[in-house]
Amino acid sequence: MNLLALRKLRYGLYVVSSRRRDRFNGLIANGVSQVSAVPANFVVSINKENLTHEFIKASKVLSFSVLSKNTPLSFIGRFGFNSGREIDKFKGVSYKIGKTGAPIVLDNTLAYVEANVINEADLGTHTIFIAQMVDSDIIREGEPMTYDYYSEVKRGPTSKKSSLYIEQIAVTKAQKYQCRRCFYIYDPEFGDPDGNVSPGTSFELLPDDWKCPICRASKNYFDKLEGTE
């Protein structure tokens, strides 16, 4: 078995959202695929430990927003590295309520689909929800974010096992640092454009109040990455 074969697959990056009574929640997911055209049915894979999983199970409705390639890491971190049990992920985020009653994230969104869950399959750690489209629309033009682009360009390569495969680290002269919480790699060659940190800024020269652009962890969560100098 060669797991590197999975690297040839391409996945989008989405905000999957749902509701439970008057509460909203959402998460970052790449396990979304269209499986039929008429009617338009989709499969959405969600980890059972996520609060959004509970919301979808309870309400039987969901939406997913197609993220733009230019989506800031901080936005991905808000929905991907925080728990709805601790924060309101929708606070300060532009969204609307769809025909199903599910919230639809509009920030950094190119298009969206909302759907009713018509069936599901238990995969042990995950549930696959089979959902039939109720409505969809295009919000703005642009290029969609892919999981591959997010991993290789936006987040940087990681030495840890991702949800799909193991990335390999390219050895460069720049001293890189890796976040222990989300595995984001700070590369001085690129800096942190979302955080107004110019390329060429070493980790040591980052402001003391600088935060990880994905999970907002402080500098003391970062370790030197072996194999870079």
C-alpha atoms as a PDB file:
ATOM      1  CA  MET A   1       0.000   0.000   0.000  1.00  0.00           C
ATOM      2  CA  ASN A   2       1.424   3.360  -1.045  1.00  0.00           C
ATOM      3  CA  LEU A   3      -0.295   6.196   0.836  1.00  0.00           C
ATOM      4  CA  LEU A   4       1.495   8.723  -1.362  1.00  0.00           C
ATOM      5  CA  ALA A   5      -1.056   7.806  -4.027  1.00  0.00           C
ATOM      6  CA  LEU A   6      -3.564   9.862  -1.999  1.00  0.00           C
ATOM      7  CA  ARG A   7      -1.519  12.957  -2.803  1.00  0.00           C
ATOM      8  CA  LYS A   8      -2.748  12.703  -6.385  1.00  0.00           C
ATOM      9  CA  LEU A   9      -6.323  13.321  -5.236  1.00  0.00           C
ATOM     10  CA  ARG A  10      -7.574  16.897  -5.070  1.00  0.00           C
ATOM     11  CA  TYR A  11      -9.951  18.237  -2.447  1.00  0.00           C
ATOM     12  CA  GLY A  12     -11.653  21.576  -1.970  1.00  0.00           C
ATOM     13  CA  LEU A  13     -11.749  23.477   1.312  1.00  0.00           C
ATOM     14  CA  TYR A  14     -15.166  24.418   2.689  1.00  0.00           C
ATOM     15  CA  VAL A  15     -16.933  25.841   5.702  1.00  0.00           C
ATOM     16  CA  VAL A  16     -19.640  23.308   6.563  1.00  0.00           C
ATOM     17  CA  SER A  17     -22.321  24.856   8.779  1.00  0.00           C
ATOM     18  CA  SER A  18     -25.484  23.765  10.543  1.00  0.00           C
ATOM     19  CA  ARG A  19     -27.833  24.769  13.327  1.00  0.00           C
ATOM     20  CA  ARG A  20     -29.405  23.311  16.444  1.00  0.00           C
ATOM     21  CA  ARG A  21     -32.462  25.250  17.509  1.00  0.00           C
ATOM     22  CA  ASP A  22     -31.197  28.870  17.758  1.00  0.00           C
ATOM     23  CA  ARG A  23     -27.465  28.061  17.774  1.00  0.00           C
ATOM     24  CA  PHE A  24     -25.119  28.012  14.776  1.00  0.00           C
ATOM     25  CA  ASN A  25     -21.800  26.279  14.268  1.00  0.00           C
ATOM     26  CA  GLY A  26     -19.438  25.467  11.444  1.00  0.00           C
ATOM     27  CA  LEU A  27     -16.082  23.909  10.689  1.00  0.00           C
ATOM     28  CA  ILE A  28     -13.455  23.611   7.973  1.00  0.00           C
ATOM     29  CA  ALA A  29     -13.799  20.426   5.941  1.00  0.00           C
ATOM     30  CA  ASN A  30     -12.438  18.919   2.756  1.00  0.00           C
ATOM     31  CA  GLY A  31     -14.609  15.794   2.676  1.00  0.00           C
ATOM     32  CA  VAL A  32     -17.340  17.223   0.425  1.00  0.00           C
ATOM     33  CA  SER A  33     -18.201  15.705  -2.967  1.00  0.00           C
ATOM     34  CA  GLN A  34     -21.061  15.842  -5.443  1.00  0.00           C
ATOM     35  CA  VAL A  35     -22.278  12.329  -6.248  1.00  0.00           C
ATOM     36  CA  SER A  36     -25.280  12.931  -8.539  1.00  0.00           C
ATOM     37  CA  ALA A  37     -26.624  15.686 -10.782  1.00  0.00           C
ATOM     38  CA  VAL A  38     -30.414  15.286 -10.937  1.00  0.00           C
ATOM     39  CA  PRO A  39     -31.247  15.607  -8.162  1.00  0.00           C
ATOM     40  CA  ALA A  40     -27.990  17.203  -6.959  1.00  0.00           C
ATOM     41  CA  ASN A  41     -26.794  15.042  -4.060  1.00  0.00           C
ATOM     42  CA  PHE A  42     -23.628  15.455  -2.031  1.00  0.00           C
ATOM     43  CA  VAL A  43     -21.690  13.471   0.543  1.00  0.00           C
ATOM     44  CA  VAL A  44     -20.227  15.374   3.482  1.00  0.00           C
ATOM     45  CA  SER A  45     -17.875  13.599   5.886  1.00  0.00           C
ATOM     46  CA  ILE A  46     -17.753  14.980   9.443  1.00  0.00           C
ATOM     47  CA  ASN A  47     -15.817  13.762  12.476  1.00  0.00           C
ATOM     48  CA  LYS A  48     -18.156  12.617  15.255  1.00  0.00           C
ATOM     49  CA  GLU A  49     -16.234  14.605  17.891  1.00  0.00           C
ATOM     50  CA  ASN A  50     -17.086  17.928  16.258  1.00  0.00           C
ATOM     51  CA  LEU A  51     -19.969  20.036  17.535  1.00  0.00           C
ATOM     52  CA  THR A  52     -21.126  20.591  13.959  1.00  0.00           C
ATOM     53  CA  HIS A  53     -21.673  16.831  13.726  1.00  0.00           C
ATOM     54  CA  GLU A  54     -24.144  17.071  16.617  1.00  0.00           C
ATOM     55  CA  PHE A  55     -25.930  19.991  14.936  1.00  0.00           C
ATOM     56  CA  ILE A  56     -26.310  18.189  11.603  1.00  0.00           C
ATOM     57  CA  LYS A  57     -27.564  15.028  13.335  1.00  0.00           C
ATOM     58  CA  ALA A  58     -30.156  17.061  15.232  1.00  0.00           C
ATOM     59  CA  SER A  59     -31.400  19.404  12.493  1.00  0.00           C
ATOM     60  CA  LYS A  60     -30.806  17.316   9.340  1.00  0.00           C
ATOM     61  CA  VAL A  61     -29.733  20.455   7.459  1.00  0.00           C
ATOM     62  CA  LEU A  62     -26.345  21.799   6.413  1.00  0.00           C
ATOM     63  CA  SER A  63     -24.627  24.233   4.107  1.00  0.00           C
ATOM     64  CA  PHE A  64     -21.149  24.395   2.713  1.00  0.00           C
ATOM     65  CA  SER A  65     -19.340  27.499   1.487  1.00  0.00           C
ATOM     66  CA  VAL A  66     -16.643  27.193  -1.185  1.00  0.00           C
ATOM     67  CA  LEU A  67     -13.645  29.153   0.081  1.00  0.00           C
ATOM     68  CA  SER A  68     -11.600  31.473  -2.083  1.00  0.00           C
ATOM     69  CA  LYS A  69      -7.925  30.762  -2.720  1.00  0.00           C
ATOM     70  CA  ASN A  70      -7.199  34.110  -1.021  1.00  0.00           C
ATOM     71  CA  THR A  71      -8.918  33.206   2.253  1.00  0.00           C
ATOM     72  CA  PRO A  72      -6.757  34.441   5.188  1.00  0.00           C
ATOM     73  CA  LEU A  73      -5.270  31.827   7.476  1.00  0.00           C
ATOM     74  CA  SER A  74      -6.915  33.557  10.431  1.00  0.00           C
ATOM     75  CA  PHE A  75     -10.342  32.837   8.936  1.00  0.00           C
ATOM     76  CA  ILE A  76      -9.488  29.176   8.348  1.00  0.00           C
ATOM     77  CA  GLY A  77      -8.171  29.008  11.893  1.00  0.00           C
ATOM     78  CA  ARG A  78     -11.383  30.494  13.293  1.00  0.00           C
ATOM     79  CA  PHE A  79     -13.494  27.687  11.900  1.00  0.00           C
ATOM     80  CA  GLY A  80     -10.837  24.967  11.822  1.00  0.00           C
ATOM     81  CA  PHE A  81      -8.861  25.285  15.055  1.00  0.00           C
ATOM     82  CA  ASN A  82     -11.456  26.521  17.536  1.00  0.00           C
ATOM     83  CA  SER A  83     -14.369  24.712  19.137  1.00  0.00           C
ATOM     84  CA  GLY A  84     -17.911  25.998  18.973  1.00  0.00           C
ATOM     85  CA  ARG A  85     -18.229  24.755  22.549  1.00  0.00           C
ATOM     86  CA  GLU A  86     -15.863  27.555  23.588  1.00  0.00           C
ATOM     87  CA  ILE A  87     -16.493  30.432  21.152  1.00  0.00           C
ATOM     88  CA  ASP A  88     -19.212  31.737  18.854  1.00  0.00           C
ATOM     89  CA  LYS A  89     -17.560  31.143  15.484  1.00  0.00           C
ATOM     90  CA  PHE A  90     -20.153  33.290  13.709  1.00  0.00           C
ATOM     91  CA  LYS A  91     -19.519  36.399  15.805  1.00  0.00           C
ATOM     92  CA  GLY A  92     -18.244  39.120  13.485  1.00  0.00           C
ATOM     93  CA  VAL A  93     -18.641  36.874  10.416  1.00  0.00           C
ATOM     94  CA  SER A  94     -20.918  37.764   7.512  1.00  0.00           C
ATOM     95  CA  TYR A  95     -23.562  35.097   6.967  1.00  0.00           C
ATOM     96  CA  LYS A  96     -27.202  34.635   6.040  1.00  0.00           C
ATOM     97  CA  ILE A  97     -29.918  32.136   6.924  1.00  0.00           C
ATOM     98  CA  GLY A  98     -30.786  29.813   4.058  1.00  0.00           C
ATOM     99  CA  LYS A  99     -34.064  28.248   3.000  1.00  0.00           C
ATOM    100  CA  THR A 100     -33.418  25.248   5.263  1.00  0.00           C
ATOM    101  CA  GLY A 101     -32.653  27.455   8.252  1.00  0.00           C
ATOM    102  CA  ALA A 102     -28.967  26.582   8.087  1.00  0.00           C
ATOM    103  CA  PRO A 103     -26.476  29.464   8.335  1.00  0.00           C
ATOM    104  CA  ILE A 104     -24.452  30.181   5.197  1.00  0.00           C
ATOM    105  CA  VAL A 105     -21.012  31.781   5.607  1.00  0.00           C
ATOM    106  CA  LEU A 106     -20.480  34.577   3.071  1.00  0.00           C
ATOM    107  CA  ASP A 107     -17.038  35.917   4.010  1.00  0.00           C
ATOM    108  CA  ASN A 108     -14.288  34.608   1.676  1.00  0.00           C
ATOM    109  CA  THR A 109     -16.946  32.553  -0.105  1.00  0.00           C
ATOM    110  CA  LEU A 110     -17.144  32.057  -3.869  1.00  0.00           C
ATOM    111  CA  ALA A 111     -20.315  29.955  -3.865  1.00  0.00           C
ATOM    112  CA  TYR A 112     -22.479  27.973  -1.502  1.00  0.00           C
ATOM    113  CA  VAL A 113     -24.834  25.013  -1.379  1.00  0.00           C
ATOM    114  CA  GLU A 114     -27.446  24.292   1.265  1.00  0.00           C
ATOM    115  CA  ALA A 115     -29.079  20.922   1.597  1.00  0.00           C
ATOM    116  CA  ASN A 116     -31.306  18.575   3.556  1.00  0.00           C
ATOM    117  CA  VAL A 117     -29.776  15.390   4.923  1.00  0.00           C
ATOM    118  CA  ILE A 118     -31.606  12.415   3.389  1.00  0.00           C
ATOM    119  CA  ASN A 119     -29.378   9.571   4.618  1.00  0.00           C
ATOM    120  CA  GLU A 120     -26.155   8.843   6.445  1.00  0.00           C
ATOM    121  CA  ALA A 121     -23.481   6.193   6.840  1.00  0.00           C
ATOM    122  CA  ASP A 122     -21.435   5.358   9.943  1.00  0.00           C
ATOM    123  CA  LEU A 123     -17.677   5.168   9.279  1.00  0.00           C
ATOM    124  CA  GLY A 124     -16.541   4.726  12.864  1.00  0.00           C
ATOM    125  CA  THR A 125     -14.761   8.018  13.577  1.00  0.00           C
ATOM    126  CA  HIS A 126     -16.825   9.901  10.981  1.00  0.00           C
ATOM    127  CA  THR A 127     -20.353  10.067   9.649  1.00  0.00           C
ATOM    128  CA  ILE A 128     -21.005  10.520   5.957  1.00  0.00           C
ATOM    129  CA  PHE A 129     -24.103  12.653   5.510  1.00  0.00           C
ATOM    130  CA  ILE A 130     -25.877  12.266   2.170  1.00  0.00           C
ATOM    131  CA  ALA A 131     -27.500  15.618   1.474  1.00  0.00           C
ATOM    132  CA  GLN A 132     -29.820  16.801  -1.291  1.00  0.00           C
ATOM    133  CA  MET A 133     -29.420  20.354  -2.537  1.00  0.00           C
ATOM    134  CA  VAL A 134     -32.157  22.842  -1.706  1.00  0.00           C
ATOM    135  CA  ASP A 135     -30.484  26.018  -2.919  1.00  0.00           C
ATOM    136  CA  SER A 136     -27.160  27.337  -4.218  1.00  0.00           C
ATOM    137  CA  ASP A 137     -25.668  30.565  -5.485  1.00  0.00           C
ATOM    138  CA  ILE A 138     -22.467  32.283  -6.583  1.00  0.00           C
ATOM    139  CA  ILE A 139     -21.271  35.043  -4.258  1.00  0.00           C
ATOM    140  CA  ARG A 140     -18.221  36.267  -6.165  1.00  0.00           C
ATOM    141  CA  GLU A 141     -15.860  35.177  -8.899  1.00  0.00           C
ATOM    142  CA  GLY A 142     -12.447  33.748  -8.084  1.00  0.00           C
ATOM    143  CA  GLU A 143     -10.378  30.601  -7.789  1.00  0.00           C
ATOM    144  CA  PRO A 144     -11.407  28.061  -5.126  1.00  0.00           C
ATOM    145  CA  MET A 145      -9.061  27.034  -2.339  1.00  0.00           C
ATOM    146  CA  THR A 146      -7.850  23.435  -2.547  1.00  0.00           C
ATOM    147  CA  TYR A 147      -6.563  21.390   0.359  1.00  0.00           C
ATOM    148  CA  ASP A 148      -3.317  20.938  -1.546  1.00  0.00           C
ATOM    149  CA  TYR A 149      -2.829  24.712  -1.957  1.00  0.00           C
ATOM    150  CA  TYR A 150      -3.702  25.321   1.684  1.00  0.00           C
ATOM    151  CA  SER A 151      -1.195  22.704   2.861  1.00  0.00           C
ATOM    152  CA  GLU A 152       1.684  23.573   0.553  1.00  0.00           C
ATOM    153  CA  VAL A 153       1.354  27.329   0.119  1.00  0.00           C
ATOM    154  CA  LYS A 154      -0.891  28.922   2.736  1.00  0.00           C
ATOM    155  CA  ARG A 155       0.076  26.852   5.759  1.00  0.00           C
ATOM    156  CA  GLY A 156       3.463  25.603   4.593  1.00  0.00           C
ATOM    157  CA  PRO A 157       4.626  21.983   4.615  1.00  0.00           C
ATOM    158  CA  THR A 158       4.278  20.071   7.862  1.00  0.00           C
ATOM    159  CA  SER A 159       6.356  17.300   9.370  1.00  0.00           C
ATOM    160  CA  LYS A 160       3.327  15.898  11.189  1.00  0.00           C
ATOM    161  CA  LYS A 161       0.718  13.527   9.824  1.00  0.00           C
ATOM    162  CA  SER A 162      -2.171  15.471   8.323  1.00  0.00           C
ATOM    163  CA  SER A 163      -5.719  14.190   8.063  1.00  0.00           C
ATOM    164  CA  LEU A 164      -4.942  12.699   4.668  1.00  0.00           C
ATOM    165  CA  TYR A 165      -1.218  12.094   4.239  1.00  0.00           C
ATOM    166  CA  ILE A 166       2.303  12.877   5.455  1.00  0.00           C
ATOM    167  CA  GLU A 167       3.897  15.983   4.034  1.00  0.00           C
ATOM    168  CA  GLN A 168       7.644  16.187   3.458  1.00  0.00           C
ATOM    169  CA  ILE A 169       9.740  19.137   4.608  1.00  0.00           C
ATOM    170  CA  ALA A 170      11.996  20.919   2.124  1.00  0.00           C
ATOM    171  CA  VAL A 171      15.315  21.792   3.741  1.00  0.00           C
ATOM    172  CA  THR A 172      16.252  25.424   3.213  1.00  0.00           C
ATOM    173  CA  LYS A 173      18.768  27.817   4.727  1.00  0.00           C
ATOM    174  CA  ALA A 174      16.087  29.773   6.562  1.00  0.00           C
ATOM    175  CA  GLN A 175      15.395  28.720  10.160  1.00  0.00           C
ATOM    176  CA  LYS A 176      11.770  27.675  10.322  1.00  0.00           C
ATOM    177  CA  TYR A 177       9.567  27.277  13.396  1.00  0.00           C
ATOM    178  CA  GLN A 178       6.543  25.022  13.770  1.00  0.00           C
ATOM    179  CA  CYS A 179       3.428  25.498  15.879  1.00  0.00           C
ATOM    180  CA  ARG A 180       2.810  22.577  18.247  1.00  0.00           C
ATOM    181  CA  ARG A 181      -0.937  23.175  18.180  1.00  0.00           C
ATOM    182  CA  CYS A 182      -1.835  23.302  14.474  1.00  0.00           C
ATOM    183  CA  PHE A 183       1.550  22.437  12.859  1.00  0.00           C
ATOM    184  CA  TYR A 184       1.722  25.692  10.906  1.00  0.00           C
ATOM    185  CA  ILE A 185       5.288  26.463   9.858  1.00  0.00           C
ATOM    186  CA  TYR A 186       6.637  30.004  10.044  1.00  0.00           C
ATOM    187  CA  ASP A 187       9.087  30.458   7.173  1.00  0.00           C
ATOM    188  CA  PRO A 188      11.131  33.694   7.291  1.00  0.00           C
ATOM    189  CA  GLU A 189      11.426  33.579   3.514  1.00  0.00           C
ATOM    190  CA  PHE A 190       7.707  34.342   3.213  1.00  0.00           C
ATOM    191  CA  GLY A 191       6.973  36.077   6.516  1.00  0.00           C
ATOM    192  CA  ASP A 192       3.300  36.389   7.488  1.00  0.00           C
ATOM    193  CA  PRO A 193       1.484  38.509   4.895  1.00  0.00           C
ATOM    194  CA  ASP A 194      -1.860  38.238   6.718  1.00  0.00           C
ATOM    195  CA  GLY A 195      -0.172  39.555   9.867  1.00  0.00           C
ATOM    196  CA  ASN A 196       1.760  42.335   8.078  1.00  0.00           C
ATOM    197  CA  VAL A 197       5.099  40.601   8.668  1.00  0.00           C
ATOM    198  CA  SER A 198       7.436  41.223   5.738  1.00  0.00           C
ATOM    199  CA  PRO A 199       9.352  38.422   3.986  1.00  0.00           C
ATOM    200  CA  GLY A 200      12.844  38.054   5.401  1.00  0.00           C
ATOM    201  CA  THR A 201      11.748  38.593   9.027  1.00  0.00           C
ATOM    202  CA  SER A 202      13.327  35.966  11.289  1.00  0.00           C
ATOM    203  CA  PHE A 203      11.217  34.304  13.948  1.00  0.00           C
ATOM    204  CA  GLU A 204      13.279  35.956  16.682  1.00  0.00           C
ATOM    205  CA  LEU A 205      12.382  39.404  15.334  1.00  0.00           C
ATOM    206  CA  LEU A 206       8.639  38.802  15.361  1.00  0.00           C
ATOM    207  CA  PRO A 207       6.781  41.020  17.857  1.00  0.00           C
ATOM    208  CA  ASP A 208       6.213  39.437  21.272  1.00  0.00           C
ATOM    209  CA  ASP A 209       2.454  39.660  20.741  1.00  0.00           C
ATOM    210  CA  TRP A 210       2.584  37.919  17.339  1.00  0.00           C
ATOM    211  CA  LYS A 211       0.150  35.004  17.044  1.00  0.00           C
ATOM    212  CA  CYS A 212       0.020  31.933  14.843  1.00  0.00           C
ATOM    213  CA  PRO A 213      -2.013  33.007  11.793  1.00  0.00           C
ATOM    214  CA  ILE A 214      -4.058  29.800  11.918  1.00  0.00           C
ATOM    215  CA  CYS A 215      -4.788  28.884  15.534  1.00  0.00           C
ATOM    216  CA  ARG A 216      -3.716  32.149  17.257  1.00  0.00           C
ATOM    217  CA  ALA A 217      -1.230  30.367  19.523  1.00  0.00           C
ATOM    218  CA  SER A 218       1.522  32.574  20.984  1.00  0.00           C
ATOM    219  CA  LYS A 219       5.219  32.403  20.037  1.00  0.00           C
ATOM    220  CA  ASN A 220       6.037  30.066  22.924  1.00  0.00           C
ATOM    221  CA  TYR A 221       4.014  27.355  21.156  1.00  0.00           C
ATOM    222  CA  PHE A 222       6.609  27.288  18.373  1.00  0.00           C
ATOM    223  CA  ASP A 223       9.672  25.043  18.182  1.00  0.00           C
ATOM    224  CA  LYS A 224      12.645  25.167  15.855  1.00  0.00           C
ATOM    225  CA  LEU A 225      12.141  22.860  12.938  1.00  0.00           C
ATOM    226  CA  GLU A 226      14.912  20.317  12.664  1.00  0.00           C
ATOM    227  CA  GLY A 227      16.621  20.164   9.297  1.00  0.00           C
ATOM    228  CA  THR A 228      16.483  23.915   8.645  1.00  0.00           C
ATOM    229  CA  GLU A 229      19.200  26.384   9.435  1.00  0.00           C
END
